[in-house]
Amino acid sequence: MIIFRLSLTFVLCSRLFDNENVTCDDSHMWLCPFSPKERNRIMITLNVSKKLHGLRIWNYNKSSDDTYRGVKRLHVQLNDKIISPKRGFLIRRAPGHCYFDFVQEIVFAHAKTQPENTQHK
């Protein structure tokens, strides 16, 4: 189950995992509201125990003019441990076309864990 939280609102985000990754079709993308005062959160709950080695990210790619709307920095928390760098993982902009697979892989093996109470500022 994938849930997005903005303030106290929860929304199901099935587009994040619809297996249509290399595309410019925004019906297979997800764009959340942006507020500089609030952090957007995506919570992923797995029904069974799995070992996770990383994430594969395809950033927002509707067009070359819209690629600035994608994720800039990503903070990752896994099992109550923060595994991203203090400033978050830096996420590349998408190319604005789909002539090649523009996936970005984030490997958790290189990440140092921090207790949850040391929140990123």
PDB file of N, CA and C in Angstrom:
ATOM      1  N   MET A   1       0.840  -1.165   0.000  1.00  0.00           N
ATOM      2  CA  MET A   1       0.000   0.000   0.000  1.00  0.00           C
ATOM      3  C   MET A   1       0.892   1.238   0.000  1.00  0.00           C
ATOM      4  N   ILE A   2       0.573   2.199  -0.842  1.00  0.00           N
ATOM      5  CA  ILE A   2       1.332   3.442  -0.934  1.00  0.00           C
ATOM      6  C   ILE A   2       0.415   4.576  -0.537  1.00  0.00           C
ATOM      7  N   ILE A   3       0.815   5.330   0.456  1.00  0.00           N
ATOM      8  CA  ILE A   3      -0.020   6.430   0.937  1.00  0.00           C
ATOM      9  C   ILE A   3       0.803   7.701   0.962  1.00  0.00           C
ATOM     10  N   PHE A   4       0.233   8.784   0.483  1.00  0.00           N
ATOM     11  CA  PHE A   4       0.851  10.106   0.529  1.00  0.00           C
ATOM     12  C   PHE A   4       0.186  10.907   1.622  1.00  0.00           C
ATOM     13  N   ARG A   5       0.982  11.627   2.409  1.00  0.00           N
ATOM     14  CA  ARG A   5       0.418  12.440   3.481  1.00  0.00           C
ATOM     15  C   ARG A   5       0.801  13.896   3.274  1.00  0.00           C
ATOM     16  N   LEU A   6      -0.169  14.753   3.176  1.00  0.00           N
ATOM     17  CA  LEU A   6       0.033  16.203   3.165  1.00  0.00           C
ATOM     18  C   LEU A   6      -0.807  16.739   4.307  1.00  0.00           C
ATOM     19  N   SER A   7      -0.137  17.268   5.320  1.00  0.00           N
ATOM     20  CA  SER A   7      -0.810  17.654   6.560  1.00  0.00           C
ATOM     21  C   SER A   7      -1.563  16.452   7.109  1.00  0.00           C
ATOM     22  N   LEU A   8      -2.868  16.547   7.225  1.00  0.00           N
ATOM     23  CA  LEU A   8      -3.636  15.432   7.765  1.00  0.00           C
ATOM     24  C   LEU A   8      -4.412  14.686   6.683  1.00  0.00           C
ATOM     25  N   THR A   9      -4.101  14.951   5.420  1.00  0.00           N
ATOM     26  CA  THR A   9      -4.802  14.316   4.318  1.00  0.00           C
ATOM     27  C   THR A   9      -3.995  13.130   3.802  1.00  0.00           C
ATOM     28  N   PHE A  10      -4.647  11.999   3.634  1.00  0.00           N
ATOM     29  CA  PHE A  10      -3.999  10.807   3.102  1.00  0.00           C
ATOM     30  C   PHE A  10      -4.617  10.480   1.749  1.00  0.00           C
ATOM     31  N   VAL A  11      -3.780  10.161   0.767  1.00  0.00           N
ATOM     32  CA  VAL A  11      -4.240   9.874  -0.583  1.00  0.00           C
ATOM     33  C   VAL A  11      -3.532   8.609  -1.064  1.00  0.00           C
ATOM     34  N   LEU A  12      -4.262   7.717  -1.725  1.00  0.00           N
ATOM     35  CA  LEU A  12      -3.653   6.523  -2.286  1.00  0.00           C
ATOM     36  C   LEU A  12      -2.921   6.897  -3.572  1.00  0.00           C
ATOM     37  N   CYS A  13      -1.681   6.449  -3.731  1.00  0.00           N
ATOM     38  CA  CYS A  13      -0.824   6.851  -4.857  1.00  0.00           C
ATOM     39  C   CYS A  13      -0.448   5.657  -5.718  1.00  0.00           C
ATOM     40  N   SER A  14      -1.400   5.042  -6.380  1.00  0.00           N
ATOM     41  CA  SER A  14      -1.131   3.832  -7.159  1.00  0.00           C
ATOM     42  C   SER A  14      -0.272   4.102  -8.388  1.00  0.00           C
ATOM     43  N   ARG A  15      -0.253   5.328  -8.880  1.00  0.00           N
ATOM     44  CA  ARG A  15       0.551   5.647 -10.061  1.00  0.00           C
ATOM     45  C   ARG A  15       2.051   5.463  -9.830  1.00  0.00           C
ATOM     46  N   LEU A  16       2.484   5.496  -8.582  1.00  0.00           N
ATOM     47  CA  LEU A  16       3.906   5.340  -8.282  1.00  0.00           C
ATOM     48  C   LEU A  16       4.412   3.946  -8.618  1.00  0.00           C
ATOM     49  N   PHE A  17       3.529   2.961  -8.652  1.00  0.00           N
ATOM     50  CA  PHE A  17       3.932   1.578  -8.878  1.00  0.00           C
ATOM     51  C   PHE A  17       3.093   0.923  -9.967  1.00  0.00           C
ATOM     52  N   ASP A  18       2.860   1.609 -11.075  1.00  0.00           N
ATOM     53  CA  ASP A  18       2.048   1.015 -12.143  1.00  0.00           C
ATOM     54  C   ASP A  18       2.890   0.404 -13.263  1.00  0.00           C
ATOM     55  N   ASN A  19       4.205   0.317 -13.077  1.00  0.00           N
ATOM     56  CA  ASN A  19       5.149  -0.290 -14.028  1.00  0.00           C
ATOM     57  C   ASN A  19       5.248   0.432 -15.369  1.00  0.00           C
ATOM     58  N   GLU A  20       4.784   1.649 -15.439  1.00  0.00           N
ATOM     59  CA  GLU A  20       4.975   2.494 -16.626  1.00  0.00           C
ATOM     60  C   GLU A  20       5.992   3.559 -16.223  1.00  0.00           C
ATOM     61  N   ASN A  21       7.275   3.246 -16.343  1.00  0.00           N
ATOM     62  CA  ASN A  21       8.317   4.090 -15.781  1.00  0.00           C
ATOM     63  C   ASN A  21       8.937   5.065 -16.778  1.00  0.00           C
ATOM     64  N   VAL A  22       9.241   4.613 -17.978  1.00  0.00           N
ATOM     65  CA  VAL A  22       9.882   5.472 -18.977  1.00  0.00           C
ATOM     66  C   VAL A  22       8.771   6.021 -19.873  1.00  0.00           C
ATOM     67  N   THR A  23       8.243   7.175 -19.496  1.00  0.00           N
ATOM     68  CA  THR A  23       7.090   7.738 -20.195  1.00  0.00           C
ATOM     69  C   THR A  23       7.062   9.254 -20.025  1.00  0.00           C
ATOM     70  N   CYS A  24       6.332   9.905 -20.919  1.00  0.00           N
ATOM     71  CA  CYS A  24       6.024  11.326 -20.786  1.00  0.00           C
ATOM     72  C   CYS A  24       4.519  11.517 -20.569  1.00  0.00           C
ATOM     73  N   ASP A  25       3.801  10.419 -20.423  1.00  0.00           N
ATOM     74  CA  ASP A  25       2.357  10.433 -20.220  1.00  0.00           C
ATOM     75  C   ASP A  25       2.066  10.673 -18.738  1.00  0.00           C
ATOM     76  N   ASP A  26       1.520  11.837 -18.418  1.00  0.00           N
ATOM     77  CA  ASP A  26       1.314  12.171 -17.006  1.00  0.00           C
ATOM     78  C   ASP A  26       0.211  11.363 -16.336  1.00  0.00           C
ATOM     79  N   SER A  27      -0.509  10.535 -17.069  1.00  0.00           N
ATOM     80  CA  SER A  27      -1.467   9.647 -16.419  1.00  0.00           C
ATOM     81  C   SER A  27      -0.740   8.502 -15.705  1.00  0.00           C
ATOM     82  N   HIS A  28       0.572   8.358 -15.932  1.00  0.00           N
ATOM     83  CA  HIS A  28       1.391   7.364 -15.241  1.00  0.00           C
ATOM     84  C   HIS A  28       2.382   8.028 -14.289  1.00  0.00           C
ATOM     85  N   MET A  29       2.151   9.297 -13.978  1.00  0.00           N
ATOM     86  CA  MET A  29       3.013  10.032 -13.061  1.00  0.00           C
ATOM     87  C   MET A  29       2.167  10.556 -11.915  1.00  0.00           C
ATOM     88  N   TRP A  30       2.844  10.988 -10.885  1.00  0.00           N
ATOM     89  CA  TRP A  30       2.139  11.521  -9.737  1.00  0.00           C
ATOM     90  C   TRP A  30       2.838  12.791  -9.291  1.00  0.00           C
ATOM     91  N   LEU A  31       2.075  13.841  -9.110  1.00  0.00           N
ATOM     92  CA  LEU A  31       2.594  15.141  -8.705  1.00  0.00           C
ATOM     93  C   LEU A  31       1.818  15.584  -7.470  1.00  0.00           C
ATOM     94  N   CYS A  32       2.535  15.867  -6.398  1.00  0.00           N
ATOM     95  CA  CYS A  32       1.859  16.260  -5.158  1.00  0.00           C
ATOM     96  C   CYS A  32       1.876  17.779  -5.015  1.00  0.00           C
ATOM     97  N   PRO A  33       0.974  18.313  -4.229  1.00  0.00           N
ATOM     98  CA  PRO A  33       0.991  19.756  -3.965  1.00  0.00           C
ATOM     99  C   PRO A  33       2.284  20.136  -3.246  1.00  0.00           C
ATOM    100  N   PHE A  34       2.820  21.302  -3.551  1.00  0.00           N
ATOM    101  CA  PHE A  34       4.063  21.745  -2.925  1.00  0.00           C
ATOM    102  C   PHE A  34       3.792  22.925  -2.015  1.00  0.00           C
ATOM    103  N   SER A  35       4.361  22.856  -0.827  1.00  0.00           N
ATOM    104  CA  SER A  35       4.326  23.958   0.105  1.00  0.00           C
ATOM    105  C   SER A  35       5.700  24.043   0.758  1.00  0.00           C
ATOM    106  N   PRO A  36       6.367  25.202   0.695  1.00  0.00           N
ATOM    107  CA  PRO A  36       7.700  25.300   1.294  1.00  0.00           C
ATOM    108  C   PRO A  36       7.694  25.125   2.811  1.00  0.00           C
ATOM    109  N   LYS A  37       6.524  25.252   3.440  1.00  0.00           N
ATOM    110  CA  LYS A  37       6.441  25.144   4.894  1.00  0.00           C
ATOM    111  C   LYS A  37       6.141  23.722   5.371  1.00  0.00           C
ATOM    112  N   GLU A  38       5.736  22.840   4.460  1.00  0.00           N
ATOM    113  CA  GLU A  38       5.390  21.477   4.848  1.00  0.00           C
ATOM    114  C   GLU A  38       6.172  20.474   4.029  1.00  0.00           C
ATOM    115  N   ARG A  39       6.504  19.354   4.646  1.00  0.00           N
ATOM    116  CA  ARG A  39       7.165  18.265   3.935  1.00  0.00           C
ATOM    117  C   ARG A  39       6.122  17.299   3.414  1.00  0.00           C
ATOM    118  N   ASN A  40       6.311  16.845   2.213  1.00  0.00           N
ATOM    119  CA  ASN A  40       5.467  15.791   1.678  1.00  0.00           C
ATOM    120  C   ASN A  40       6.055  14.453   2.100  1.00  0.00           C
ATOM    121  N   ARG A  41       5.201  13.509   2.411  1.00  0.00           N
ATOM    122  CA  ARG A  41       5.659  12.187   2.832  1.00  0.00           C
ATOM    123  C   ARG A  41       4.958  11.125   2.013  1.00  0.00           C
ATOM    124  N   ILE A  42       5.729  10.146   1.629  1.00  0.00           N
ATOM    125  CA  ILE A  42       5.179   8.957   0.993  1.00  0.00           C
ATOM    126  C   ILE A  42       5.506   7.803   1.921  1.00  0.00           C
ATOM    127  N   MET A  43       4.483   7.101   2.367  1.00  0.00           N
ATOM    128  CA  MET A  43       4.680   5.956   3.255  1.00  0.00           C
ATOM    129  C   MET A  43       4.355   4.693   2.468  1.00  0.00           C
ATOM    130  N   ILE A  44       5.284   3.761   2.441  1.00  0.00           N
ATOM    131  CA  ILE A  44       5.085   2.491   1.751  1.00  0.00           C
ATOM    132  C   ILE A  44       5.062   1.393   2.814  1.00  0.00           C
ATOM    133  N   THR A  45       3.969   0.650   2.859  1.00  0.00           N
ATOM    134  CA  THR A  45       3.820  -0.436   3.819  1.00  0.00           C
ATOM    135  C   THR A  45       3.800  -1.749   3.052  1.00  0.00           C
ATOM    136  N   LEU A  46       4.718  -2.640   3.389  1.00  0.00           N
ATOM    137  CA  LEU A  46       4.753  -3.954   2.773  1.00  0.00           C
ATOM    138  C   LEU A  46       4.015  -4.939   3.666  1.00  0.00           C
ATOM    139  N   ASN A  47       3.236  -5.826   3.066  1.00  0.00           N
ATOM    140  CA  ASN A  47       2.446  -6.790   3.840  1.00  0.00           C
ATOM    141  C   ASN A  47       3.279  -7.935   4.391  1.00  0.00           C
ATOM    142  N   VAL A  48       4.452  -8.163   3.809  1.00  0.00           N
ATOM    143  CA  VAL A  48       5.341  -9.227   4.270  1.00  0.00           C
ATOM    144  C   VAL A  48       6.727  -8.647   4.477  1.00  0.00           C
ATOM    145  N   SER A  49       7.523  -9.332   5.262  1.00  0.00           N
ATOM    146  CA  SER A  49       8.888  -8.894   5.527  1.00  0.00           C
ATOM    147  C   SER A  49       9.749  -9.092   4.280  1.00  0.00           C
ATOM    148  N   LYS A  50      10.475  -8.060   3.880  1.00  0.00           N
ATOM    149  CA  LYS A  50      11.354  -8.109   2.704  1.00  0.00           C
ATOM    150  C   LYS A  50      12.656  -7.409   3.031  1.00  0.00           C
ATOM    151  N   LYS A  51      13.741  -7.868   2.423  1.00  0.00           N
ATOM    152  CA  LYS A  51      15.001  -7.140   2.513  1.00  0.00           C
ATOM    153  C   LYS A  51      15.022  -6.131   1.377  1.00  0.00           C
ATOM    154  N   LEU A  52      15.239  -4.876   1.710  1.00  0.00           N
ATOM    155  CA  LEU A  52      15.295  -3.823   0.699  1.00  0.00           C
ATOM    156  C   LEU A  52      16.736  -3.367   0.553  1.00  0.00           C
ATOM    157  N   HIS A  53      17.199  -3.331  -0.681  1.00  0.00           N
ATOM    158  CA  HIS A  53      18.579  -2.940  -0.951  1.00  0.00           C
ATOM    159  C   HIS A  53      18.669  -1.522  -1.484  1.00  0.00           C
ATOM    160  N   GLY A  54      17.536  -0.952  -1.902  1.00  0.00           N
ATOM    161  CA  GLY A  54      17.555   0.399  -2.436  1.00  0.00           C
ATOM    162  C   GLY A  54      16.241   0.782  -3.074  1.00  0.00           C
ATOM    163  N   LEU A  55      16.265   1.910  -3.741  1.00  0.00           N
ATOM    164  CA  LEU A  55      15.106   2.433  -4.471  1.00  0.00           C
ATOM    165  C   LEU A  55      15.510   2.728  -5.906  1.00  0.00           C
ATOM    166  N   ARG A  56      14.560   2.607  -6.800  1.00  0.00           N
ATOM    167  CA  ARG A  56      14.757   3.040  -8.189  1.00  0.00           C
ATOM    168  C   ARG A  56      13.780   4.179  -8.423  1.00  0.00           C
ATOM    169  N   ILE A  57      14.297   5.330  -8.833  1.00  0.00           N
ATOM    170  CA  ILE A  57      13.496   6.550  -8.973  1.00  0.00           C
ATOM    171  C   ILE A  57      13.468   6.982 -10.443  1.00  0.00           C
ATOM    172  N   TRP A  58      12.260   7.205 -10.949  1.00  0.00           N
ATOM    173  CA  TRP A  58      12.069   7.862 -12.241  1.00  0.00           C
ATOM    174  C   TRP A  58      11.398   9.182 -11.903  1.00  0.00           C
ATOM    175  N   ASN A  59      12.098  10.274 -12.036  1.00  0.00           N
ATOM    176  CA  ASN A  59      11.574  11.576 -11.630  1.00  0.00           C
ATOM    177  C   ASN A  59      10.517  12.060 -12.611  1.00  0.00           C
ATOM    178  N   TYR A  60       9.794  13.119 -12.242  1.00  0.00           N
ATOM    179  CA  TYR A  60       8.687  13.668 -13.037  1.00  0.00           C
ATOM    180  C   TYR A  60       9.183  14.058 -14.423  1.00  0.00           C
ATOM    181  N   ASN A  61       8.540  13.533 -15.478  1.00  0.00           N
ATOM    182  CA  ASN A  61       9.083  13.616 -16.832  1.00  0.00           C
ATOM    183  C   ASN A  61       8.040  14.001 -17.882  1.00  0.00           C
ATOM    184  N   LYS A  62       7.065  14.802 -17.538  1.00  0.00           N
ATOM    185  CA  LYS A  62       5.992  15.134 -18.490  1.00  0.00           C
ATOM    186  C   LYS A  62       6.540  15.809 -19.744  1.00  0.00           C
ATOM    187  N   SER A  63       7.422  16.784 -19.582  1.00  0.00           N
ATOM    188  CA  SER A  63       8.046  17.475 -20.717  1.00  0.00           C
ATOM    189  C   SER A  63       9.320  18.146 -20.201  1.00  0.00           C
ATOM    190  N   SER A  64      10.135  18.649 -21.113  1.00  0.00           N
ATOM    191  CA  SER A  64      11.368  19.311 -20.658  1.00  0.00           C
ATOM    192  C   SER A  64      11.059  20.557 -19.837  1.00  0.00           C
ATOM    193  N   ASP A  65       9.937  21.211 -20.113  1.00  0.00           N
ATOM    194  CA  ASP A  65       9.540  22.386 -19.320  1.00  0.00           C
ATOM    195  C   ASP A  65       9.037  22.016 -17.927  1.00  0.00           C
ATOM    196  N   ASP A  66       8.555  20.788 -17.754  1.00  0.00           N
ATOM    197  CA  ASP A  66       7.976  20.372 -16.475  1.00  0.00           C
ATOM    198  C   ASP A  66       8.928  19.592 -15.582  1.00  0.00           C
ATOM    199  N   THR A  67      10.120  19.282 -16.037  1.00  0.00           N
ATOM    200  CA  THR A  67      11.012  18.441 -15.229  1.00  0.00           C
ATOM    201  C   THR A  67      11.452  19.124 -13.932  1.00  0.00           C
ATOM    202  N   TYR A  68      11.371  20.439 -13.860  1.00  0.00           N
ATOM    203  CA  TYR A  68      11.729  21.135 -12.617  1.00  0.00           C
ATOM    204  C   TYR A  68      10.745  20.803 -11.495  1.00  0.00           C
ATOM    205  N   ARG A  69       9.602  20.224 -11.813  1.00  0.00           N
ATOM    206  CA  ARG A  69       8.569  19.925 -10.826  1.00  0.00           C
ATOM    207  C   ARG A  69       8.837  18.635 -10.058  1.00  0.00           C
ATOM    208  N   GLY A  70       9.876  17.918 -10.414  1.00  0.00           N
ATOM    209  CA  GLY A  70      10.174  16.644  -9.770  1.00  0.00           C
ATOM    210  C   GLY A  70      10.845  16.800  -8.411  1.00  0.00           C
ATOM    211  N   VAL A  71      11.188  15.668  -7.835  1.00  0.00           N
ATOM    212  CA  VAL A  71      11.839  15.616  -6.528  1.00  0.00           C
ATOM    213  C   VAL A  71      13.257  16.160  -6.640  1.00  0.00           C
ATOM    214  N   LYS A  72      13.657  16.996  -5.673  1.00  0.00           N
ATOM    215  CA  LYS A  72      15.028  17.527  -5.632  1.00  0.00           C
ATOM    216  C   LYS A  72      15.888  16.722  -4.658  1.00  0.00           C
ATOM    217  N   ARG A  73      15.381  16.561  -3.453  1.00  0.00           N
ATOM    218  CA  ARG A  73      16.084  15.815  -2.404  1.00  0.00           C
ATOM    219  C   ARG A  73      15.092  14.853  -1.761  1.00  0.00           C
ATOM    220  N   LEU A  74      15.596  13.682  -1.428  1.00  0.00           N
ATOM    221  CA  LEU A  74      14.758  12.631  -0.883  1.00  0.00           C
ATOM    222  C   LEU A  74      15.349  12.133   0.428  1.00  0.00           C
ATOM    223  N   HIS A  75      14.543  12.179   1.476  1.00  0.00           N
ATOM    224  CA  HIS A  75      14.944  11.642   2.774  1.00  0.00           C
ATOM    225  C   HIS A  75      14.251  10.296   2.931  1.00  0.00           C
ATOM    226  N   VAL A  76      15.022   9.282   3.315  1.00  0.00           N
ATOM    227  CA  VAL A  76      14.482   7.928   3.411  1.00  0.00           C
ATOM    228  C   VAL A  76      14.604   7.434   4.844  1.00  0.00           C
ATOM    229  N   GLN A  77      13.512   6.874   5.324  1.00  0.00           N
ATOM    230  CA  GLN A  77      13.479   6.258   6.649  1.00  0.00           C
ATOM    231  C   GLN A  77      12.992   4.833   6.460  1.00  0.00           C
ATOM    232  N   LEU A  78      13.708   3.883   7.041  1.00  0.00           N
ATOM    233  CA  LEU A  78      13.374   2.471   6.900  1.00  0.00           C
ATOM    234  C   LEU A  78      13.374   1.831   8.280  1.00  0.00           C
ATOM    235  N   ASN A  79      12.243   1.261   8.685  1.00  0.00           N
ATOM    236  CA  ASN A  79      12.113   0.635  10.009  1.00  0.00           C
ATOM    237  C   ASN A  79      12.572   1.575  11.122  1.00  0.00           C
ATOM    238  N   ASP A  80      12.086   2.793  11.095  1.00  0.00           N
ATOM    239  CA  ASP A  80      12.371   3.810  12.122  1.00  0.00           C
ATOM    240  C   ASP A  80      13.824   4.278  12.153  1.00  0.00           C
ATOM    241  N   LYS A  81      14.585   4.006  11.127  1.00  0.00           N
ATOM    242  CA  LYS A  81      15.970   4.486  11.028  1.00  0.00           C
ATOM    243  C   LYS A  81      16.087   5.371   9.800  1.00  0.00           C
ATOM    244  N   ILE A  82      16.680   6.536   9.967  1.00  0.00           N
ATOM    245  CA  ILE A  82      16.928   7.426   8.838  1.00  0.00           C
ATOM    246  C   ILE A  82      18.177   6.924   8.128  1.00  0.00           C
ATOM    247  N   ILE A  83      18.056   6.607   6.845  1.00  0.00           N
ATOM    248  CA  ILE A  83      19.194   6.046   6.120  1.00  0.00           C
ATOM    249  C   ILE A  83      19.699   6.966   5.017  1.00  0.00           C
ATOM    250  N   SER A  84      19.121   8.133   4.911  1.00  0.00           N
ATOM    251  CA  SER A  84      19.591   9.093   3.905  1.00  0.00           C
ATOM    252  C   SER A  84      20.616  10.025   4.534  1.00  0.00           C
ATOM    253  N   PRO A  85      21.448  10.657   3.700  1.00  0.00           N
ATOM    254  CA  PRO A  85      22.382  11.650   4.236  1.00  0.00           C
ATOM    255  C   PRO A  85      21.616  12.789   4.913  1.00  0.00           C
ATOM    256  N   LYS A  86      22.307  13.576   5.701  1.00  0.00           N
ATOM    257  CA  LYS A  86      21.661  14.659   6.454  1.00  0.00           C
ATOM    258  C   LYS A  86      20.836  15.583   5.556  1.00  0.00           C
ATOM    259  N   ARG A  87      21.346  15.905   4.376  1.00  0.00           N
ATOM    260  CA  ARG A  87      20.612  16.787   3.449  1.00  0.00           C
ATOM    261  C   ARG A  87      19.736  16.005   2.479  1.00  0.00           C
ATOM    262  N   GLY A  88      19.690  14.692   2.606  1.00  0.00           N
ATOM    263  CA  GLY A  88      18.874  13.854   1.731  1.00  0.00           C
ATOM    264  C   GLY A  88      19.652  13.400   0.510  1.00  0.00           C
ATOM    265  N   PHE A  89      19.089  12.420  -0.190  1.00  0.00           N
ATOM    266  CA  PHE A  89      19.676  11.975  -1.449  1.00  0.00           C
ATOM    267  C   PHE A  89      19.345  13.014  -2.515  1.00  0.00           C
ATOM    268  N   LEU A  90      20.319  13.415  -3.303  1.00  0.00           N
ATOM    269  CA  LEU A  90      20.101  14.358  -4.394  1.00  0.00           C
ATOM    270  C   LEU A  90      19.539  13.582  -5.587  1.00  0.00           C
ATOM    271  N   ILE A  91      18.371  13.983  -6.067  1.00  0.00           N
ATOM    272  CA  ILE A  91      17.688  13.276  -7.145  1.00  0.00           C
ATOM    273  C   ILE A  91      17.841  14.065  -8.445  1.00  0.00           C
ATOM    274  N   ARG A  92      18.260  13.360  -9.501  1.00  0.00           N
ATOM    275  CA  ARG A  92      18.456  13.994 -10.818  1.00  0.00           C
ATOM    276  C   ARG A  92      17.122  14.409 -11.431  1.00  0.00           C
ATOM    277  N   ARG A  93      17.171  15.465 -12.235  1.00  0.00           N
ATOM    278  CA  ARG A  93      16.003  15.842 -13.036  1.00  0.00           C
ATOM    279  C   ARG A  93      15.826  14.829 -14.148  1.00  0.00           C
ATOM    280  N   ALA A  94      14.594  14.588 -14.530  1.00  0.00           N
ATOM    281  CA  ALA A  94      14.299  13.730 -15.679  1.00  0.00           C
ATOM    282  C   ALA A  94      14.653  14.478 -16.961  1.00  0.00           C
ATOM    283  N   PRO A  95      14.835  13.773 -18.077  1.00  0.00           N
ATOM    284  CA  PRO A  95      15.259  14.436 -19.311  1.00  0.00           C
ATOM    285  C   PRO A  95      14.160  15.189 -20.056  1.00  0.00           C
ATOM    286  N   GLY A  96      12.886  14.887 -19.780  1.00  0.00           N
ATOM    287  CA  GLY A  96      11.800  15.545 -20.502  1.00  0.00           C
ATOM    288  C   GLY A  96      11.432  14.835 -21.792  1.00  0.00           C
ATOM    289  N   HIS A  97      12.010  13.662 -22.020  1.00  0.00           N
ATOM    290  CA  HIS A  97      11.669  12.796 -23.152  1.00  0.00           C
ATOM    291  C   HIS A  97      11.838  11.365 -22.693  1.00  0.00           C
ATOM    292  N   CYS A  98      11.475  10.406 -23.523  1.00  0.00           N
ATOM    293  CA  CYS A  98      11.599   9.000 -23.107  1.00  0.00           C
ATOM    294  C   CYS A  98      12.390   8.191 -24.128  1.00  0.00           C
ATOM    295  N   TYR A  99      13.513   8.731 -24.596  1.00  0.00           N
ATOM    296  CA  TYR A  99      14.362   8.037 -25.560  1.00  0.00           C
ATOM    297  C   TYR A  99      15.285   7.032 -24.889  1.00  0.00           C
ATOM    298  N   PHE A 100      15.439   7.092 -23.585  1.00  0.00           N
ATOM    299  CA  PHE A 100      16.249   6.124 -22.847  1.00  0.00           C
ATOM    300  C   PHE A 100      15.688   6.010 -21.432  1.00  0.00           C
ATOM    301  N   ASP A 101      16.083   4.969 -20.728  1.00  0.00           N
ATOM    302  CA  ASP A 101      15.631   4.740 -19.364  1.00  0.00           C
ATOM    303  C   ASP A 101      16.433   5.634 -18.426  1.00  0.00           C
ATOM    304  N   PHE A 102      15.793   6.589 -17.793  1.00  0.00           N
ATOM    305  CA  PHE A 102      16.466   7.598 -16.970  1.00  0.00           C
ATOM    306  C   PHE A 102      16.375   7.279 -15.476  1.00  0.00           C
ATOM    307  N   VAL A 103      16.287   6.007 -15.134  1.00  0.00           N
ATOM    308  CA  VAL A 103      16.174   5.586 -13.739  1.00  0.00           C
ATOM    309  C   VAL A 103      17.395   6.040 -12.935  1.00  0.00           C
ATOM    310  N   GLN A 104      17.165   6.359 -11.667  1.00  0.00           N
ATOM    311  CA  GLN A 104      18.249   6.654 -10.734  1.00  0.00           C
ATOM    312  C   GLN A 104      18.135   5.647  -9.600  1.00  0.00           C
ATOM    313  N   GLU A 105      19.218   4.960  -9.330  1.00  0.00           N
ATOM    314  CA  GLU A 105      19.209   3.949  -8.281  1.00  0.00           C
ATOM    315  C   GLU A 105      19.864   4.497  -7.015  1.00  0.00           C
ATOM    316  N   ILE A 106      19.200   4.284  -5.905  1.00  0.00           N
ATOM    317  CA  ILE A 106      19.725   4.662  -4.597  1.00  0.00           C
ATOM    318  C   ILE A 106      19.961   3.365  -3.839  1.00  0.00           C
ATOM    319  N   VAL A 107      21.203   3.095  -3.487  1.00  0.00           N
ATOM    320  CA  VAL A 107      21.564   1.860  -2.810  1.00  0.00           C
ATOM    321  C   VAL A 107      21.682   2.132  -1.314  1.00  0.00           C
ATOM    322  N   PHE A 108      20.970   1.341  -0.512  1.00  0.00           N
ATOM    323  CA  PHE A 108      20.973   1.540   0.933  1.00  0.00           C
ATOM    324  C   PHE A 108      22.246   1.032   1.598  1.00  0.00           C
ATOM    325  N   ALA A 109      22.992   0.176   0.963  1.00  0.00           N
ATOM    326  CA  ALA A 109      24.191  -0.401   1.578  1.00  0.00           C
ATOM    327  C   ALA A 109      25.216   0.664   1.937  1.00  0.00           C
ATOM    328  N   HIS A 110      25.222   1.777   1.235  1.00  0.00           N
ATOM    329  CA  HIS A 110      26.187   2.836   1.482  1.00  0.00           C
ATOM    330  C   HIS A 110      25.681   3.866   2.488  1.00  0.00           C
ATOM    331  N   ALA A 111      24.441   3.717   2.903  1.00  0.00           N
ATOM    332  CA  ALA A 111      23.837   4.704   3.812  1.00  0.00           C
ATOM    333  C   ALA A 111      24.138   4.363   5.256  1.00  0.00           C
ATOM    334  N   LYS A 112      24.390   5.382   6.052  1.00  0.00           N
ATOM    335  CA  LYS A 112      24.566   5.211   7.487  1.00  0.00           C
ATOM    336  C   LYS A 112      23.217   5.462   8.147  1.00  0.00           C
ATOM    337  N   THR A 113      22.882   4.647   9.147  1.00  0.00           N
ATOM    338  CA  THR A 113      21.591   4.825   9.816  1.00  0.00           C
ATOM    339  C   THR A 113      21.718   5.759  11.001  1.00  0.00           C
ATOM    340  N   GLN A 114      20.633   6.492  11.245  1.00  0.00           N
ATOM    341  CA  GLN A 114      20.542   7.396  12.385  1.00  0.00           C
ATOM    342  C   GLN A 114      19.235   7.092  13.100  1.00  0.00           C
ATOM    343  N   PRO A 115      19.174   7.269  14.408  1.00  0.00           N
ATOM    344  CA  PRO A 115      17.890   7.098  15.107  1.00  0.00           C
ATOM    345  C   PRO A 115      16.873   8.101  14.578  1.00  0.00           C
ATOM    346  N   GLU A 116      15.598   7.743  14.655  1.00  0.00           N
ATOM    347  CA  GLU A 116      14.528   8.590  14.122  1.00  0.00           C
ATOM    348  C   GLU A 116      14.476   9.951  14.781  1.00  0.00           C
ATOM    349  N   ASN A 117      14.802  10.073  16.060  1.00  0.00           N
ATOM    350  CA  ASN A 117      14.645  11.356  16.754  1.00  0.00           C
ATOM    351  C   ASN A 117      15.662  12.397  16.319  1.00  0.00           C
ATOM    352  N   THR A 118      16.627  12.062  15.466  1.00  0.00           N
ATOM    353  CA  THR A 118      17.562  13.075  14.930  1.00  0.00           C
ATOM    354  C   THR A 118      17.037  13.511  13.566  1.00  0.00           C
ATOM    355  N   GLN A 119      15.924  14.197  13.577  1.00  0.00           N
ATOM    356  CA  GLN A 119      15.264  14.618  12.345  1.00  0.00           C
ATOM    357  C   GLN A 119      16.141  15.553  11.523  1.00  0.00           C
ATOM    358  N   HIS A 120      15.996  15.451  10.184  1.00  0.00           N
ATOM    359  CA  HIS A 120      16.724  16.339   9.257  1.00  0.00           C
ATOM    360  C   HIS A 120      16.154  17.733   9.349  1.00  0.00           C
ATOM    361  N   LYS A 121      16.988  18.707   9.324  1.00  0.00           N
ATOM    362  CA  LYS A 121      16.532  20.102   9.373  1.00  0.00           C
ATOM    363  C   LYS A 121      16.742  20.747   8.018  1.00  0.00           C
TER     364      LYS A 121
END
